[in-house]
All heavy atoms as atom14 arrays in JSON, in Angstrom:
{
  "sequence": "TVQSDLEKAIAYCEATKGTYALMSHSTEDQQAKEMFNMM",
  "atom14_mask": [
    [1, 1, 1, 1, 1, 1, 1, 0, 0, 0, 0, 0, 0, 0],
    [1, 1, 1, 1, 1, 1, 1, 0, 0, 0, 0, 0, 0, 0],
    [1, 1, 1, 1, 1, 1, 1, 1, 1, 0, 0, 0, 0, 0],
    [1, 1, 1, 1, 1, 1, 0, 0, 0, 0, 0, 0, 0, 0],
    [1, 1, 1, 1, 1, 1, 1, 1, 0, 0, 0, 0, 0, 0],
    [1, 1, 1, 1, 1, 1, 1, 1, 0, 0, 0, 0, 0, 0],
    [1, 1, 1, 1, 1, 1, 1, 1, 1, 0, 0, 0, 0, 0],
    [1, 1, 1, 1, 1, 1, 1, 1, 1, 0, 0, 0, 0, 0],
    [1, 1, 1, 1, 1, 0, 0, 0, 0, 0, 0, 0, 0, 0],
    [1, 1, 1, 1, 1, 1, 1, 1, 0, 0, 0, 0, 0, 0],
    [1, 1, 1, 1, 1, 0, 0, 0, 0, 0, 0, 0, 0, 0],
    [1, 1, 1, 1, 1, 1, 1, 1, 1, 1, 1, 1, 0, 0],
    [1, 1, 1, 1, 1, 1, 0, 0, 0, 0, 0, 0, 0, 0],
    [1, 1, 1, 1, 1, 1, 1, 1, 1, 0, 0, 0, 0, 0],
    [1, 1, 1, 1, 1, 0, 0, 0, 0, 0, 0, 0, 0, 0],
    [1, 1, 1, 1, 1, 1, 1, 0, 0, 0, 0, 0, 0, 0],
    [1, 1, 1, 1, 1, 1, 1, 1, 1, 0, 0, 0, 0, 0],
    [1, 1, 1, 1, 0, 0, 0, 0, 0, 0, 0, 0, 0, 0],
    [1, 1, 1, 1, 1, 1, 1, 0, 0, 0, 0, 0, 0, 0],
    [1, 1, 1, 1, 1, 1, 1, 1, 1, 1, 1, 1, 0, 0],
    [1, 1, 1, 1, 1, 0, 0, 0, 0, 0, 0, 0, 0, 0],
    [1, 1, 1, 1, 1, 1, 1, 1, 0, 0, 0, 0, 0, 0],
    [1, 1, 1, 1, 1, 1, 1, 1, 0, 0, 0, 0, 0, 0],
    [1, 1, 1, 1, 1, 1, 0, 0, 0, 0, 0, 0, 0, 0],
    [1, 1, 1, 1, 1, 1, 1, 1, 1, 1, 0, 0, 0, 0],
    [1, 1, 1, 1, 1, 1, 0, 0, 0, 0, 0, 0, 0, 0],
    [1, 1, 1, 1, 1, 1, 1, 0, 0, 0, 0, 0, 0, 0],
    [1, 1, 1, 1, 1, 1, 1, 1, 1, 0, 0, 0, 0, 0],
    [1, 1, 1, 1, 1, 1, 1, 1, 0, 0, 0, 0, 0, 0],
    [1, 1, 1, 1, 1, 1, 1, 1, 1, 0, 0, 0, 0, 0],
    [1, 1, 1, 1, 1, 1, 1, 1, 1, 0, 0, 0, 0, 0],
    [1, 1, 1, 1, 1, 0, 0, 0, 0, 0, 0, 0, 0, 0],
    [1, 1, 1, 1, 1, 1, 1, 1, 1, 0, 0, 0, 0, 0],
    [1, 1, 1, 1, 1, 1, 1, 1, 1, 0, 0, 0, 0, 0],
    [1, 1, 1, 1, 1, 1, 1, 1, 0, 0, 0, 0, 0, 0],
    [1, 1, 1, 1, 1, 1, 1, 1, 1, 1, 1, 0, 0, 0],
    [1, 1, 1, 1, 1, 1, 1, 1, 0, 0, 0, 0, 0, 0],
    [1, 1, 1, 1, 1, 1, 1, 1, 0, 0, 0, 0, 0, 0],
    [1, 1, 1, 1, 1, 1, 1, 1, 0, 0, 0, 0, 0, 0]
  ],
  "atom14_positions": [
    [[99.57, 72.89, 104.44], [99.25, 73.77, 103.37], [97.62, 74.0, 103.48], [96.96, 73.08, 103.59], [99.51, 73.22, 101.98], [100.93, 72.91, 102.02], [99.33, 74.13, 100.86], [0.0, 0.0, 0.0], [0.0, 0.0, 0.0], [0.0, 0.0, 0.0], [0.0, 0.0, 0.0], [0.0, 0.0, 0.0], [0.0, 0.0, 0.0], [0.0, 0.0, 0.0]],
    [[97.3, 75.26, 103.22], [95.86, 75.62, 103.3], [95.31, 75.51, 101.85], [96.04, 75.87, 100.97], [95.82, 77.1, 103.85], [94.27, 77.48, 103.83], [96.29, 77.22, 105.3], [0.0, 0.0, 0.0], [0.0, 0.0, 0.0], [0.0, 0.0, 0.0], [0.0, 0.0, 0.0], [0.0, 0.0, 0.0], [0.0, 0.0, 0.0], [0.0, 0.0, 0.0]],
    [[94.1, 75.01, 101.89], [93.53, 74.71, 100.46], [93.4, 76.07, 99.72], [93.75, 76.03, 98.46], [92.17, 74.11, 100.65], [92.21, 72.66, 101.0], [90.92, 72.02, 101.32], [90.28, 72.3, 102.25], [90.51, 71.13, 100.47], [0.0, 0.0, 0.0], [0.0, 0.0, 0.0], [0.0, 0.0, 0.0], [0.0, 0.0, 0.0], [0.0, 0.0, 0.0]],
    [[93.09, 77.26, 100.35], [93.05, 78.37, 99.73], [94.27, 78.9, 99.05], [94.36, 79.51, 98.0], [92.35, 79.47, 100.56], [93.23, 79.76, 101.6], [0.0, 0.0, 0.0], [0.0, 0.0, 0.0], [0.0, 0.0, 0.0], [0.0, 0.0, 0.0], [0.0, 0.0, 0.0], [0.0, 0.0, 0.0], [0.0, 0.0, 0.0], [0.0, 0.0, 0.0]],
    [[95.48, 78.61, 99.78], [96.71, 78.8, 99.21], [96.99, 78.0, 97.92], [97.57, 78.53, 97.03], [97.84, 78.51, 100.27], [97.79, 79.41, 101.47], [97.22, 80.56, 101.36], [98.37, 79.07, 102.57], [0.0, 0.0, 0.0], [0.0, 0.0, 0.0], [0.0, 0.0, 0.0], [0.0, 0.0, 0.0], [0.0, 0.0, 0.0], [0.0, 0.0, 0.0]],
    [[96.57, 76.82, 97.92], [96.72, 76.02, 96.73], [95.98, 76.49, 95.62], [96.38, 76.59, 94.42], [96.41, 74.51, 97.05], [97.4, 73.73, 97.75], [96.82, 72.42, 98.22], [98.66, 73.45, 96.96], [0.0, 0.0, 0.0], [0.0, 0.0, 0.0], [0.0, 0.0, 0.0], [0.0, 0.0, 0.0], [0.0, 0.0, 0.0], [0.0, 0.0, 0.0]],
    [[94.78, 76.95, 95.81], [93.83, 77.41, 94.9], [94.54, 78.66, 94.26], [94.36, 78.86, 93.07], [92.42, 77.84, 95.4], [91.63, 76.42, 95.75], [90.45, 76.63, 96.69], [90.28, 77.64, 97.16], [89.74, 75.64, 96.76], [0.0, 0.0, 0.0], [0.0, 0.0, 0.0], [0.0, 0.0, 0.0], [0.0, 0.0, 0.0], [0.0, 0.0, 0.0]],
    [[94.97, 79.51, 95.08], [95.79, 80.71, 94.68], [96.89, 80.38, 93.77], [97.18, 80.99, 92.57], [96.19, 81.65, 95.78], [95.02, 82.41, 96.62], [95.57, 83.2, 97.69], [94.49, 83.57, 98.59], [95.03, 84.26, 99.84], [0.0, 0.0, 0.0], [0.0, 0.0, 0.0], [0.0, 0.0, 0.0], [0.0, 0.0, 0.0], [0.0, 0.0, 0.0]],
    [[97.71, 79.47, 94.26], [98.88, 79.0, 93.5], [98.45, 78.54, 92.08], [99.19, 78.82, 91.11], [99.67, 78.04, 94.12], [0.0, 0.0, 0.0], [0.0, 0.0, 0.0], [0.0, 0.0, 0.0], [0.0, 0.0, 0.0], [0.0, 0.0, 0.0], [0.0, 0.0, 0.0], [0.0, 0.0, 0.0], [0.0, 0.0, 0.0], [0.0, 0.0, 0.0]],
    [[97.43, 77.8, 92.04], [96.93, 77.14, 90.78], [96.48, 78.31, 89.9], [96.79, 78.26, 88.62], [95.74, 76.16, 91.0], [96.32, 74.92, 91.71], [95.06, 75.82, 89.73], [95.32, 73.95, 92.34], [0.0, 0.0, 0.0], [0.0, 0.0, 0.0], [0.0, 0.0, 0.0], [0.0, 0.0, 0.0], [0.0, 0.0, 0.0], [0.0, 0.0, 0.0]],
    [[95.67, 79.28, 90.41], [95.22, 80.31, 89.64], [96.41, 81.14, 88.95], [96.38, 81.6, 87.82], [94.4, 81.27, 90.48], [0.0, 0.0, 0.0], [0.0, 0.0, 0.0], [0.0, 0.0, 0.0], [0.0, 0.0, 0.0], [0.0, 0.0, 0.0], [0.0, 0.0, 0.0], [0.0, 0.0, 0.0], [0.0, 0.0, 0.0], [0.0, 0.0, 0.0]],
    [[97.4, 81.51, 89.79], [98.61, 82.15, 89.42], [99.34, 81.36, 88.23], [99.73, 81.89, 87.31], [99.59, 82.44, 90.51], [99.21, 83.48, 91.47], [99.23, 83.17, 92.84], [98.53, 84.67, 90.99], [98.81, 84.15, 93.73], [97.99, 85.57, 91.95], [98.24, 85.37, 93.33], [97.71, 86.31, 94.25], [0.0, 0.0, 0.0], [0.0, 0.0, 0.0]],
    [[99.48, 80.13, 88.35], [100.13, 79.25, 87.46], [99.38, 79.17, 86.15], [99.83, 79.36, 85.09], [100.38, 77.86, 88.05], [101.65, 77.64, 89.19], [0.0, 0.0, 0.0], [0.0, 0.0, 0.0], [0.0, 0.0, 0.0], [0.0, 0.0, 0.0], [0.0, 0.0, 0.0], [0.0, 0.0, 0.0], [0.0, 0.0, 0.0], [0.0, 0.0, 0.0]],
    [[98.05, 79.14, 86.18], [97.19, 79.14, 85.1], [97.41, 80.46, 84.3], [97.41, 80.48, 83.02], [95.69, 78.94, 85.4], [95.38, 77.53, 85.89], [95.36, 76.55, 84.7], [95.62, 76.86, 83.53], [95.12, 75.34, 85.02], [0.0, 0.0, 0.0], [0.0, 0.0, 0.0], [0.0, 0.0, 0.0], [0.0, 0.0, 0.0], [0.0, 0.0, 0.0]],
    [[97.39, 81.5, 85.04], [97.58, 82.94, 84.41], [98.97, 82.88, 83.72], [99.1, 83.48, 82.58], [97.43, 83.94, 85.41], [0.0, 0.0, 0.0], [0.0, 0.0, 0.0], [0.0, 0.0, 0.0], [0.0, 0.0, 0.0], [0.0, 0.0, 0.0], [0.0, 0.0, 0.0], [0.0, 0.0, 0.0], [0.0, 0.0, 0.0], [0.0, 0.0, 0.0]],
    [[100.02, 82.54, 84.55], [101.39, 82.5, 83.87], [101.4, 81.65, 82.59], [102.07, 82.06, 81.66], [102.29, 82.23, 84.87], [102.2, 83.04, 86.06], [103.73, 82.23, 84.42], [0.0, 0.0, 0.0], [0.0, 0.0, 0.0], [0.0, 0.0, 0.0], [0.0, 0.0, 0.0], [0.0, 0.0, 0.0], [0.0, 0.0, 0.0], [0.0, 0.0, 0.0]],
    [[100.75, 80.49, 82.74], [100.7, 79.62, 81.52], [100.2, 80.26, 80.29], [100.72, 80.23, 79.22], [100.01, 78.42, 81.91], [100.04, 77.24, 80.81], [99.33, 76.01, 81.34], [97.77, 76.07, 80.94], [97.15, 74.87, 81.18], [0.0, 0.0, 0.0], [0.0, 0.0, 0.0], [0.0, 0.0, 0.0], [0.0, 0.0, 0.0], [0.0, 0.0, 0.0]],
    [[99.17, 81.05, 80.56], [98.43, 81.76, 79.44], [99.41, 82.79, 78.86], [99.48, 83.1, 77.72], [0.0, 0.0, 0.0], [0.0, 0.0, 0.0], [0.0, 0.0, 0.0], [0.0, 0.0, 0.0], [0.0, 0.0, 0.0], [0.0, 0.0, 0.0], [0.0, 0.0, 0.0], [0.0, 0.0, 0.0], [0.0, 0.0, 0.0], [0.0, 0.0, 0.0]],
    [[100.01, 83.43, 79.79], [101.0, 84.52, 79.34], [102.16, 83.85, 78.52], [102.52, 84.37, 77.47], [101.78, 85.13, 80.53], [100.6, 85.86, 81.32], [102.61, 86.27, 80.11], [0.0, 0.0, 0.0], [0.0, 0.0, 0.0], [0.0, 0.0, 0.0], [0.0, 0.0, 0.0], [0.0, 0.0, 0.0], [0.0, 0.0, 0.0], [0.0, 0.0, 0.0]],
    [[102.62, 82.81, 78.99], [103.64, 82.05, 78.19], [103.21, 81.57, 76.85], [103.89, 81.73, 75.79], [104.31, 80.88, 78.86], [105.13, 81.19, 80.08], [105.27, 80.23, 81.12], [105.71, 82.28, 80.28], [106.01, 80.51, 82.26], [106.53, 82.64, 81.35], [106.67, 81.74, 82.4], [107.49, 81.91, 83.5], [0.0, 0.0, 0.0], [0.0, 0.0, 0.0]],
    [[101.83, 81.18, 76.8], [101.38, 80.72, 75.46], [101.25, 82.04, 74.57], [101.57, 81.84, 73.26], [99.98, 80.05, 75.68], [0.0, 0.0, 0.0], [0.0, 0.0, 0.0], [0.0, 0.0, 0.0], [0.0, 0.0, 0.0], [0.0, 0.0, 0.0], [0.0, 0.0, 0.0], [0.0, 0.0, 0.0], [0.0, 0.0, 0.0], [0.0, 0.0, 0.0]],
    [[100.77, 83.09, 75.14], [100.72, 84.31, 74.26], [102.05, 84.66, 73.84], [102.16, 85.15, 72.75], [99.95, 85.43, 75.07], [99.8, 86.76, 74.36], [98.72, 86.48, 73.36], [99.11, 87.72, 75.46], [0.0, 0.0, 0.0], [0.0, 0.0, 0.0], [0.0, 0.0, 0.0], [0.0, 0.0, 0.0], [0.0, 0.0, 0.0], [0.0, 0.0, 0.0]],
    [[102.99, 84.82, 74.62], [104.4, 85.18, 74.29], [104.92, 84.23, 73.24], [105.58, 84.73, 72.27], [105.29, 85.25, 75.5], [104.85, 86.23, 76.51], [105.65, 86.0, 78.11], [107.26, 86.74, 77.79], [0.0, 0.0, 0.0], [0.0, 0.0, 0.0], [0.0, 0.0, 0.0], [0.0, 0.0, 0.0], [0.0, 0.0, 0.0], [0.0, 0.0, 0.0]],
    [[104.71, 82.94, 73.23], [105.16, 81.99, 72.27], [104.49, 82.29, 70.93], [105.12, 82.36, 69.84], [104.81, 80.54, 72.75], [105.09, 79.6, 71.65], [0.0, 0.0, 0.0], [0.0, 0.0, 0.0], [0.0, 0.0, 0.0], [0.0, 0.0, 0.0], [0.0, 0.0, 0.0], [0.0, 0.0, 0.0], [0.0, 0.0, 0.0], [0.0, 0.0, 0.0]],
    [[103.2, 82.6, 70.95], [102.51, 82.86, 69.79], [102.89, 84.25, 69.06], [102.85, 84.29, 67.88], [100.99, 82.83, 70.13], [100.08, 83.16, 68.89], [99.81, 82.21, 67.89], [99.36, 84.2, 68.53], [99.14, 82.64, 67.05], [98.82, 83.94, 67.41], [0.0, 0.0, 0.0], [0.0, 0.0, 0.0], [0.0, 0.0, 0.0], [0.0, 0.0, 0.0]],
    [[103.33, 85.16, 70.0], [103.59, 86.48, 69.56], [105.03, 86.58, 68.93], [105.24, 87.58, 68.15], [103.37, 87.52, 70.65], [102.1, 87.43, 71.06], [0.0, 0.0, 0.0], [0.0, 0.0, 0.0], [0.0, 0.0, 0.0], [0.0, 0.0, 0.0], [0.0, 0.0, 0.0], [0.0, 0.0, 0.0], [0.0, 0.0, 0.0], [0.0, 0.0, 0.0]],
    [[105.9, 85.69, 69.29], [107.21, 85.9, 68.81], [107.58, 85.07, 67.5], [106.87, 84.14, 67.25], [108.33, 85.51, 69.87], [109.54, 85.89, 69.39], [108.21, 83.92, 70.14], [0.0, 0.0, 0.0], [0.0, 0.0, 0.0], [0.0, 0.0, 0.0], [0.0, 0.0, 0.0], [0.0, 0.0, 0.0], [0.0, 0.0, 0.0], [0.0, 0.0, 0.0]],
    [[108.45, 85.73, 66.68], [108.83, 84.98, 65.52], [110.13, 84.32, 65.76], [110.57, 83.58, 64.8], [108.92, 86.05, 64.38], [107.57, 86.53, 63.99], [107.69, 87.55, 62.79], [108.64, 87.5, 62.09], [106.71, 88.25, 62.64], [0.0, 0.0, 0.0], [0.0, 0.0, 0.0], [0.0, 0.0, 0.0], [0.0, 0.0, 0.0], [0.0, 0.0, 0.0]],
    [[110.73, 84.57, 66.89], [112.12, 83.91, 67.22], [111.8, 82.54, 67.56], [111.26, 82.17, 68.69], [112.7, 84.7, 68.38], [114.05, 84.09, 68.81], [114.35, 82.83, 68.64], [114.82, 84.97, 69.38], [0.0, 0.0, 0.0], [0.0, 0.0, 0.0], [0.0, 0.0, 0.0], [0.0, 0.0, 0.0], [0.0, 0.0, 0.0], [0.0, 0.0, 0.0]],
    [[112.2, 81.59, 66.8], [111.94, 80.11, 67.03], [112.56, 79.62, 68.4], [111.86, 78.77, 69.04], [112.47, 79.19, 65.84], [111.9, 77.93, 66.01], [110.38, 77.79, 65.83], [109.74, 78.49, 65.17], [109.91, 76.81, 66.66], [0.0, 0.0, 0.0], [0.0, 0.0, 0.0], [0.0, 0.0, 0.0], [0.0, 0.0, 0.0], [0.0, 0.0, 0.0]],
    [[113.66, 80.07, 68.73], [114.29, 79.64, 70.01], [113.5, 80.14, 71.18], [113.24, 79.42, 72.05], [115.68, 80.09, 69.97], [116.58, 79.61, 71.17], [118.01, 79.84, 71.05], [118.34, 80.77, 70.26], [118.84, 79.23, 71.86], [0.0, 0.0, 0.0], [0.0, 0.0, 0.0], [0.0, 0.0, 0.0], [0.0, 0.0, 0.0], [0.0, 0.0, 0.0]],
    [[113.02, 81.42, 71.07], [112.21, 81.98, 72.25], [110.88, 81.15, 72.25], [110.4, 80.91, 73.28], [112.01, 83.47, 72.01], [0.0, 0.0, 0.0], [0.0, 0.0, 0.0], [0.0, 0.0, 0.0], [0.0, 0.0, 0.0], [0.0, 0.0, 0.0], [0.0, 0.0, 0.0], [0.0, 0.0, 0.0], [0.0, 0.0, 0.0], [0.0, 0.0, 0.0]],
    [[110.24, 80.97, 71.03], [109.08, 80.27, 70.99], [109.14, 78.87, 71.67], [108.19, 78.46, 72.47], [108.68, 80.08, 69.53], [107.29, 79.44, 69.31], [106.87, 79.31, 67.88], [106.71, 80.65, 67.12], [105.42, 81.29, 67.37], [0.0, 0.0, 0.0], [0.0, 0.0, 0.0], [0.0, 0.0, 0.0], [0.0, 0.0, 0.0], [0.0, 0.0, 0.0]],
    [[110.13, 78.15, 71.42], [110.4, 76.87, 71.98], [110.61, 77.05, 73.6], [110.01, 76.26, 74.28], [111.57, 76.12, 71.45], [111.38, 75.67, 70.0], [112.62, 75.22, 69.28], [113.55, 74.87, 70.02], [112.58, 74.97, 68.11], [0.0, 0.0, 0.0], [0.0, 0.0, 0.0], [0.0, 0.0, 0.0], [0.0, 0.0, 0.0], [0.0, 0.0, 0.0]],
    [[111.27, 78.01, 74.0], [111.55, 78.18, 75.35], [110.12, 78.42, 76.06], [109.9, 77.95, 77.23], [112.5, 79.28, 75.64], [112.8, 79.62, 77.03], [113.49, 78.21, 77.98], [115.11, 78.13, 77.31], [0.0, 0.0, 0.0], [0.0, 0.0, 0.0], [0.0, 0.0, 0.0], [0.0, 0.0, 0.0], [0.0, 0.0, 0.0], [0.0, 0.0, 0.0]],
    [[109.4, 79.43, 75.47], [108.1, 79.72, 76.08], [107.23, 78.51, 76.18], [106.53, 78.22, 77.18], [107.38, 80.94, 75.45], [108.05, 82.23, 75.65], [108.38, 83.04, 74.46], [108.36, 82.7, 76.76], [108.95, 84.22, 74.62], [108.99, 83.94, 77.02], [109.2, 84.72, 75.88], [0.0, 0.0, 0.0], [0.0, 0.0, 0.0], [0.0, 0.0, 0.0]],
    [[107.21, 77.68, 75.11], [106.5, 76.46, 75.23], [106.96, 75.5, 76.26], [106.12, 74.83, 76.87], [106.4, 75.77, 73.81], [105.5, 76.48, 72.85], [104.5, 77.14, 73.25], [105.84, 76.54, 71.54], [0.0, 0.0, 0.0], [0.0, 0.0, 0.0], [0.0, 0.0, 0.0], [0.0, 0.0, 0.0], [0.0, 0.0, 0.0], [0.0, 0.0, 0.0]],
    [[108.3, 75.44, 76.35], [108.83, 74.49, 77.4], [108.46, 75.08, 78.8], [108.09, 74.21, 79.71], [110.32, 74.39, 77.32], [111.05, 73.38, 77.91], [112.63, 72.91, 77.44], [113.47, 74.61, 77.29], [0.0, 0.0, 0.0], [0.0, 0.0, 0.0], [0.0, 0.0, 0.0], [0.0, 0.0, 0.0], [0.0, 0.0, 0.0], [0.0, 0.0, 0.0]],
    [[108.38, 76.25, 79.0], [108.18, 76.91, 80.27], [106.63, 76.58, 80.62], [106.2, 76.33, 81.72], [108.43, 78.36, 80.28], [109.99, 78.61, 80.3], [110.4, 80.27, 79.92], [109.73, 81.27, 81.09], [0.0, 0.0, 0.0], [0.0, 0.0, 0.0], [0.0, 0.0, 0.0], [0.0, 0.0, 0.0], [0.0, 0.0, 0.0], [0.0, 0.0, 0.0]]
  ]
}
């Protein structure tokens, strides 16, 4: 594995994690909120 590939993967995961946090915060559906937090 190339270090730059890992750095890219980490950056993508961090961005996706932020998206899930935003989605969890934005929904009023408790089941969806829990799922986004679990993801």
